[in-house]
Amino acid sequence: LFDLPVLPKGSETPYSLNVDKKRGIVW
């Protein structure tokens, strides 16, 4: 598990994500 970098901690509700497989980044 990885916390999103927001303050206050726990205040975000991430709906979705996608993976840039070529660059190894999760957006």
PDB file of all heavy atoms in Angstrom:
ATOM      1  N   LEU A   1       0.826  -1.197   0.000  1.00  0.00           N
ATOM      2  CA  LEU A   1       0.000   0.000   0.000  1.00  0.00           C
ATOM      3  C   LEU A   1       0.866   1.255   0.000  1.00  0.00           C
ATOM      4  O   LEU A   1       1.904   1.300   0.668  1.00  0.00           O
ATOM      5  CB  LEU A   1      -0.930   0.012   1.212  1.00  0.00           C
ATOM      6  CG  LEU A   1      -2.052  -1.028   1.204  1.00  0.00           C
ATOM      7  CD1 LEU A   1      -2.719  -1.106   2.563  1.00  0.00           C
ATOM      8  CD2 LEU A   1      -3.080  -0.696   0.141  1.00  0.00           C
ATOM      9  N   PHE A   2       0.416   2.273  -0.731  1.00  0.00           N
ATOM     10  CA  PHE A   2       1.147   3.528  -0.835  1.00  0.00           C
ATOM     11  C   PHE A   2       0.162   4.685  -0.641  1.00  0.00           C
ATOM     12  O   PHE A   2      -0.844   4.771  -1.351  1.00  0.00           O
ATOM     13  CB  PHE A   2       1.818   3.649  -2.203  1.00  0.00           C
ATOM     14  CG  PHE A   2       2.723   2.488  -2.532  1.00  0.00           C
ATOM     15  CD1 PHE A   2       2.230   1.382  -3.225  1.00  0.00           C
ATOM     16  CD2 PHE A   2       4.055   2.494  -2.152  1.00  0.00           C
ATOM     17  CE1 PHE A   2       3.049   0.304  -3.532  1.00  0.00           C
ATOM     18  CE2 PHE A   2       4.890   1.415  -2.455  1.00  0.00           C
ATOM     19  CZ  PHE A   2       4.385   0.324  -3.143  1.00  0.00           C
ATOM     20  N   ASP A   3       0.470   5.571   0.301  1.00  0.00           N
ATOM     21  CA  ASP A   3      -0.375   6.735   0.555  1.00  0.00           C
ATOM     22  C   ASP A   3      -0.218   7.757  -0.555  1.00  0.00           C
ATOM     23  O   ASP A   3       0.907   8.037  -1.010  1.00  0.00           O
ATOM     24  CB  ASP A   3      -0.006   7.399   1.884  1.00  0.00           C
ATOM     25  CG  ASP A   3      -0.427   6.572   3.086  1.00  0.00           C
ATOM     26  OD1 ASP A   3      -1.617   6.249   3.194  1.00  0.00           O
ATOM     27  OD2 ASP A   3       0.446   6.244   3.911  1.00  0.00           O
ATOM     28  N   LEU A   4      -1.334   8.357  -0.982  1.00  0.00           N
ATOM     29  CA  LEU A   4      -1.235   9.471  -1.917  1.00  0.00           C
ATOM     30  C   LEU A   4      -0.616  10.677  -1.198  1.00  0.00           C
ATOM     31  O   LEU A   4      -0.839  10.880  -0.004  1.00  0.00           O
ATOM     32  CB  LEU A   4      -2.617   9.843  -2.469  1.00  0.00           C
ATOM     33  CG  LEU A   4      -2.994   9.183  -3.792  1.00  0.00           C
ATOM     34  CD1 LEU A   4      -3.189   7.697  -3.635  1.00  0.00           C
ATOM     35  CD2 LEU A   4      -4.236   9.820  -4.395  1.00  0.00           C
ATOM     36  N   PRO A   5       0.127  11.515  -1.933  1.00  0.00           N
ATOM     37  CA  PRO A   5       0.856  12.628  -1.303  1.00  0.00           C
ATOM     38  C   PRO A   5      -0.026  13.848  -1.080  1.00  0.00           C
ATOM     39  O   PRO A   5       0.254  14.947  -1.591  1.00  0.00           O
ATOM     40  CB  PRO A   5       1.969  12.909  -2.309  1.00  0.00           C
ATOM     41  CG  PRO A   5       1.338  12.607  -3.632  1.00  0.00           C
ATOM     42  CD  PRO A   5       0.425  11.426  -3.383  1.00  0.00           C
ATOM     43  N   VAL A   6      -1.087  13.678  -0.314  1.00  0.00           N
ATOM     44  CA  VAL A   6      -1.996  14.796  -0.048  1.00  0.00           C
ATOM     45  C   VAL A   6      -2.059  15.069   1.445  1.00  0.00           C
ATOM     46  O   VAL A   6      -1.844  14.184   2.266  1.00  0.00           O
ATOM     47  CB  VAL A   6      -3.423  14.517  -0.578  1.00  0.00           C
ATOM     48  CG1 VAL A   6      -3.446  14.409  -2.078  1.00  0.00           C
ATOM     49  CG2 VAL A   6      -3.998  13.261   0.059  1.00  0.00           C
ATOM     50  N   LEU A   7      -2.344  16.312   1.762  1.00  0.00           N
ATOM     51  CA  LEU A   7      -2.620  16.720   3.135  1.00  0.00           C
ATOM     52  C   LEU A   7      -3.973  17.400   3.161  1.00  0.00           C
ATOM     53  O   LEU A   7      -4.298  18.174   2.256  1.00  0.00           O
ATOM     54  CB  LEU A   7      -1.528  17.680   3.637  1.00  0.00           C
ATOM     55  CG  LEU A   7      -0.125  17.070   3.806  1.00  0.00           C
ATOM     56  CD1 LEU A   7       0.871  18.175   4.161  1.00  0.00           C
ATOM     57  CD2 LEU A   7      -0.127  15.990   4.869  1.00  0.00           C
ATOM     58  N   PRO A   8      -4.773  17.107   4.198  1.00  0.00           N
ATOM     59  CA  PRO A   8      -4.559  16.155   5.281  1.00  0.00           C
ATOM     60  C   PRO A   8      -4.479  14.713   4.757  1.00  0.00           C
ATOM     61  O   PRO A   8      -5.108  14.372   3.749  1.00  0.00           O
ATOM     62  CB  PRO A   8      -5.781  16.340   6.167  1.00  0.00           C
ATOM     63  CG  PRO A   8      -6.328  17.682   5.816  1.00  0.00           C
ATOM     64  CD  PRO A   8      -6.038  17.857   4.364  1.00  0.00           C
ATOM     65  N   LYS A   9      -3.709  13.906   5.451  1.00  0.00           N
ATOM     66  CA  LYS A   9      -3.549  12.518   5.070  1.00  0.00           C
ATOM     67  C   LYS A   9      -4.910  11.819   5.084  1.00  0.00           C
ATOM     68  O   LYS A   9      -5.699  11.997   6.002  1.00  0.00           O
ATOM     69  CB  LYS A   9      -2.594  11.820   6.040  1.00  0.00           C
ATOM     70  CG  LYS A   9      -2.240  10.401   5.631  1.00  0.00           C
ATOM     71  CD  LYS A   9      -1.226   9.796   6.590  1.00  0.00           C
ATOM     72  CE  LYS A   9      -0.882   8.367   6.176  1.00  0.00           C
ATOM     73  NZ  LYS A   9       0.134   7.773   7.089  1.00  0.00           N
ATOM     74  N   GLY A  10      -5.161  11.038   4.047  1.00  0.00           N
ATOM     75  CA  GLY A  10      -6.416  10.298   3.975  1.00  0.00           C
ATOM     76  C   GLY A  10      -7.575  11.064   3.392  1.00  0.00           C
ATOM     77  O   GLY A  10      -8.708  10.566   3.391  1.00  0.00           O
ATOM     78  N   SER A  11      -7.343  12.258   2.844  1.00  0.00           N
ATOM     79  CA  SER A  11      -8.448  13.122   2.399  1.00  0.00           C
ATOM     80  C   SER A  11      -8.758  12.994   0.912  1.00  0.00           C
ATOM     81  O   SER A  11      -9.618  13.706   0.402  1.00  0.00           O
ATOM     82  CB  SER A  11      -8.134  14.584   2.716  1.00  0.00           C
ATOM     83  OG  SER A  11      -6.951  15.013   2.046  1.00  0.00           O
ATOM     84  N   GLU A  12      -8.081  12.099   0.213  1.00  0.00           N
ATOM     85  CA  GLU A  12      -8.322  11.920  -1.216  1.00  0.00           C
ATOM     86  C   GLU A  12      -9.143  10.652  -1.465  1.00  0.00           C
ATOM     87  O   GLU A  12      -9.133   9.718  -0.651  1.00  0.00           O
ATOM     88  CB  GLU A  12      -6.972  11.848  -1.949  1.00  0.00           C
ATOM     89  CG  GLU A  12      -7.026  11.805  -3.467  1.00  0.00           C
ATOM     90  CD  GLU A  12      -7.849  12.913  -4.071  1.00  0.00           C
ATOM     91  OE1 GLU A  12      -9.083  12.720  -4.196  1.00  0.00           O
ATOM     92  OE2 GLU A  12      -7.288  13.955  -4.441  1.00  0.00           O
ATOM     93  N   THR A  13      -9.887  10.634  -2.556  1.00  0.00           N
ATOM     94  CA  THR A  13     -10.681   9.466  -2.945  1.00  0.00           C
ATOM     95  C   THR A  13     -10.333   9.094  -4.381  1.00  0.00           C
ATOM     96  O   THR A  13     -11.087   9.405  -5.312  1.00  0.00           O
ATOM     97  CB  THR A  13     -12.194   9.738  -2.813  1.00  0.00           C
ATOM     98  OG1 THR A  13     -12.521  10.891  -3.614  1.00  0.00           O
ATOM     99  CG2 THR A  13     -12.585  10.000  -1.370  1.00  0.00           C
ATOM    100  N   PRO A  14      -9.208   8.422  -4.608  1.00  0.00           N
ATOM    101  CA  PRO A  14      -8.786   8.107  -5.980  1.00  0.00           C
ATOM    102  C   PRO A  14      -9.761   7.155  -6.665  1.00  0.00           C
ATOM    103  O   PRO A  14      -9.997   6.054  -6.188  1.00  0.00           O
ATOM    104  CB  PRO A  14      -7.411   7.467  -5.784  1.00  0.00           C
ATOM    105  CG  PRO A  14      -7.449   6.905  -4.394  1.00  0.00           C
ATOM    106  CD  PRO A  14      -8.295   7.868  -3.601  1.00  0.00           C
ATOM    107  N   TYR A  15     -10.299   7.601  -7.771  1.00  0.00           N
ATOM    108  CA  TYR A  15     -11.339   6.853  -8.490  1.00  0.00           C
ATOM    109  C   TYR A  15     -10.730   5.768  -9.378  1.00  0.00           C
ATOM    110  O   TYR A  15     -11.257   4.674  -9.486  1.00  0.00           O
ATOM    111  CB  TYR A  15     -12.135   7.844  -9.339  1.00  0.00           C
ATOM    112  CG  TYR A  15     -13.409   7.342  -9.963  1.00  0.00           C
ATOM    113  CD1 TYR A  15     -14.648   7.707  -9.434  1.00  0.00           C
ATOM    114  CD2 TYR A  15     -13.401   6.557 -11.102  1.00  0.00           C
ATOM    115  CE1 TYR A  15     -15.833   7.273 -10.025  1.00  0.00           C
ATOM    116  CE2 TYR A  15     -14.571   6.121 -11.695  1.00  0.00           C
ATOM    117  CZ  TYR A  15     -15.795   6.487 -11.152  1.00  0.00           C
ATOM    118  OH  TYR A  15     -16.959   6.059 -11.734  1.00  0.00           O
ATOM    119  N   SER A  16      -9.629   6.122 -10.030  1.00  0.00           N
ATOM    120  CA  SER A  16      -9.061   5.219 -11.024  1.00  0.00           C
ATOM    121  C   SER A  16      -7.575   5.500 -11.167  1.00  0.00           C
ATOM    122  O   SER A  16      -7.027   6.429 -10.564  1.00  0.00           O
ATOM    123  CB  SER A  16      -9.785   5.403 -12.361  1.00  0.00           C
ATOM    124  OG  SER A  16      -9.366   4.430 -13.309  1.00  0.00           O
ATOM    125  N   LEU A  17      -6.933   4.691 -11.994  1.00  0.00           N
ATOM    126  CA  LEU A  17      -5.523   4.880 -12.316  1.00  0.00           C
ATOM    127  C   LEU A  17      -5.230   4.203 -13.641  1.00  0.00           C
ATOM    128  O   LEU A  17      -6.037   3.444 -14.161  1.00  0.00           O
ATOM    129  CB  LEU A  17      -4.616   4.335 -11.189  1.00  0.00           C
ATOM    130  CG  LEU A  17      -4.817   2.908 -10.694  1.00  0.00           C
ATOM    131  CD1 LEU A  17      -4.314   1.842 -11.668  1.00  0.00           C
ATOM    132  CD2 LEU A  17      -4.119   2.708  -9.357  1.00  0.00           C
ATOM    133  N   ASN A  18      -4.066   4.496 -14.176  1.00  0.00           N
ATOM    134  CA  ASN A  18      -3.567   3.784 -15.345  1.00  0.00           C
ATOM    135  C   ASN A  18      -2.055   3.699 -15.230  1.00  0.00           C
ATOM    136  O   ASN A  18      -1.442   4.499 -14.515  1.00  0.00           O
ATOM    137  CB  ASN A  18      -3.979   4.479 -16.648  1.00  0.00           C
ATOM    138  CG  ASN A  18      -3.995   3.527 -17.834  1.00  0.00           C
ATOM    139  OD1 ASN A  18      -3.507   2.396 -17.769  1.00  0.00           O
ATOM    140  ND2 ASN A  18      -4.555   3.978 -18.954  1.00  0.00           N
ATOM    141  N   VAL A  19      -1.473   2.737 -15.935  1.00  0.00           N
ATOM    142  CA  VAL A  19      -0.042   2.494 -15.827  1.00  0.00           C
ATOM    143  C   VAL A  19       0.633   2.821 -17.157  1.00  0.00           C
ATOM    144  O   VAL A  19       0.267   2.280 -18.201  1.00  0.00           O
ATOM    145  CB  VAL A  19       0.251   1.035 -15.441  1.00  0.00           C
ATOM    146  CG1 VAL A  19       1.759   0.827 -15.291  1.00  0.00           C
ATOM    147  CG2 VAL A  19      -0.461   0.657 -14.149  1.00  0.00           C
ATOM    148  N   ASP A  20       1.606   3.731 -17.080  1.00  0.00           N
ATOM    149  CA  ASP A  20       2.479   3.986 -18.223  1.00  0.00           C
ATOM    150  C   ASP A  20       3.538   2.886 -18.193  1.00  0.00           C
ATOM    151  O   ASP A  20       4.551   2.979 -17.502  1.00  0.00           O
ATOM    152  CB  ASP A  20       3.115   5.373 -18.092  1.00  0.00           C
ATOM    153  CG  ASP A  20       3.954   5.762 -19.299  1.00  0.00           C
ATOM    154  OD1 ASP A  20       4.372   4.847 -20.044  1.00  0.00           O
ATOM    155  OD2 ASP A  20       4.212   6.968 -19.488  1.00  0.00           O
ATOM    156  N   LYS A  21       3.277   1.819 -18.930  1.00  0.00           N
ATOM    157  CA  LYS A  21       4.148   0.640 -18.874  1.00  0.00           C
ATOM    158  C   LYS A  21       5.542   0.945 -19.406  1.00  0.00           C
ATOM    159  O   LYS A  21       6.539   0.370 -18.946  1.00  0.00           O
ATOM    160  CB  LYS A  21       3.509  -0.508 -19.658  1.00  0.00           C
ATOM    161  CG  LYS A  21       2.177  -1.000 -19.096  1.00  0.00           C
ATOM    162  CD  LYS A  21       1.632  -2.144 -19.927  1.00  0.00           C
ATOM    163  CE  LYS A  21       0.335  -2.705 -19.348  1.00  0.00           C
ATOM    164  NZ  LYS A  21      -0.774  -1.730 -19.480  1.00  0.00           N
ATOM    165  N   LYS A  22       5.638   1.826 -20.374  1.00  0.00           N
ATOM    166  CA  LYS A  22       6.927   2.153 -20.984  1.00  0.00           C
ATOM    167  C   LYS A  22       7.845   2.879 -20.011  1.00  0.00           C
ATOM    168  O   LYS A  22       9.051   2.633 -19.982  1.00  0.00           O
ATOM    169  CB  LYS A  22       6.689   3.001 -22.240  1.00  0.00           C
ATOM    170  CG  LYS A  22       7.927   3.366 -23.012  1.00  0.00           C
ATOM    171  CD  LYS A  22       7.557   4.141 -24.271  1.00  0.00           C
ATOM    172  CE  LYS A  22       8.779   4.525 -25.089  1.00  0.00           C
ATOM    173  NZ  LYS A  22       8.393   5.293 -26.315  1.00  0.00           N
ATOM    174  N   ARG A  23       7.280   3.761 -19.193  1.00  0.00           N
ATOM    175  CA  ARG A  23       8.081   4.587 -18.284  1.00  0.00           C
ATOM    176  C   ARG A  23       7.985   4.154 -16.833  1.00  0.00           C
ATOM    177  O   ARG A  23       8.658   4.718 -15.978  1.00  0.00           O
ATOM    178  CB  ARG A  23       7.648   6.061 -18.429  1.00  0.00           C
ATOM    179  CG  ARG A  23       7.920   6.613 -19.813  1.00  0.00           C
ATOM    180  CD  ARG A  23       7.164   7.888 -20.100  1.00  0.00           C
ATOM    181  NE  ARG A  23       7.356   8.277 -21.494  1.00  0.00           N
ATOM    182  CZ  ARG A  23       6.675   7.768 -22.511  1.00  0.00           C
ATOM    183  NH1 ARG A  23       5.728   6.880 -22.295  1.00  0.00           N
ATOM    184  NH2 ARG A  23       6.925   8.149 -23.741  1.00  0.00           N
ATOM    185  N   GLY A  24       7.121   3.179 -16.556  1.00  0.00           N
ATOM    186  CA  GLY A  24       7.012   2.674 -15.198  1.00  0.00           C
ATOM    187  C   GLY A  24       6.395   3.654 -14.225  1.00  0.00           C
ATOM    188  O   GLY A  24       6.869   3.791 -13.089  1.00  0.00           O
ATOM    189  N   ILE A  25       5.338   4.337 -14.662  1.00  0.00           N
ATOM    190  CA  ILE A  25       4.662   5.315 -13.806  1.00  0.00           C
ATOM    191  C   ILE A  25       3.189   4.944 -13.690  1.00  0.00           C
ATOM    192  O   ILE A  25       2.531   4.651 -14.696  1.00  0.00           O
ATOM    193  CB  ILE A  25       4.785   6.749 -14.358  1.00  0.00           C
ATOM    194  CG1 ILE A  25       6.256   7.151 -14.484  1.00  0.00           C
ATOM    195  CG2 ILE A  25       4.062   7.738 -13.458  1.00  0.00           C
ATOM    196  CD1 ILE A  25       6.453   8.514 -15.102  1.00  0.00           C
ATOM    197  N   VAL A  26       2.676   4.960 -12.473  1.00  0.00           N
ATOM    198  CA  VAL A  26       1.251   4.781 -12.227  1.00  0.00           C
ATOM    199  C   VAL A  26       0.635   6.164 -12.083  1.00  0.00           C
ATOM    200  O   VAL A  26       1.015   6.923 -11.178  1.00  0.00           O
ATOM    201  CB  VAL A  26       0.991   3.955 -10.954  1.00  0.00           C
ATOM    202  CG1 VAL A  26      -0.506   3.749 -10.744  1.00  0.00           C
ATOM    203  CG2 VAL A  26       1.702   2.604 -11.035  1.00  0.00           C
ATOM    204  N   TRP A  27      -0.298   6.500 -12.961  1.00  0.00           N
ATOM    205  CA  TRP A  27      -0.976   7.797 -12.889  1.00  0.00           C
ATOM    206  C   TRP A  27      -2.331   7.609 -12.233  1.00  0.00           C
ATOM    207  O   TRP A  27      -3.106   6.731 -12.605  1.00  0.00           O
ATOM    208  CB  TRP A  27      -1.127   8.406 -14.277  1.00  0.00           C
ATOM    209  CG  TRP A  27       0.182   8.896 -14.827  1.00  0.00           C
ATOM    210  CD1 TRP A  27       0.989   8.268 -15.722  1.00  0.00           C
ATOM    211  CD2 TRP A  27       0.841  10.111 -14.474  1.00  0.00           C
ATOM    212  NE1 TRP A  27       2.115   9.019 -15.955  1.00  0.00           N
ATOM    213  CE2 TRP A  27       2.049  10.165 -15.207  1.00  0.00           C
ATOM    214  CE3 TRP A  27       0.532  11.161 -13.615  1.00  0.00           C
ATOM    215  CZ2 TRP A  27       2.955  11.230 -15.106  1.00  0.00           C
ATOM    216  CZ3 TRP A  27       1.424  12.233 -13.513  1.00  0.00           C
ATOM    217  CH2 TRP A  27       2.613  12.261 -14.250  1.00  0.00           C
TER     218      TRP A  27
END
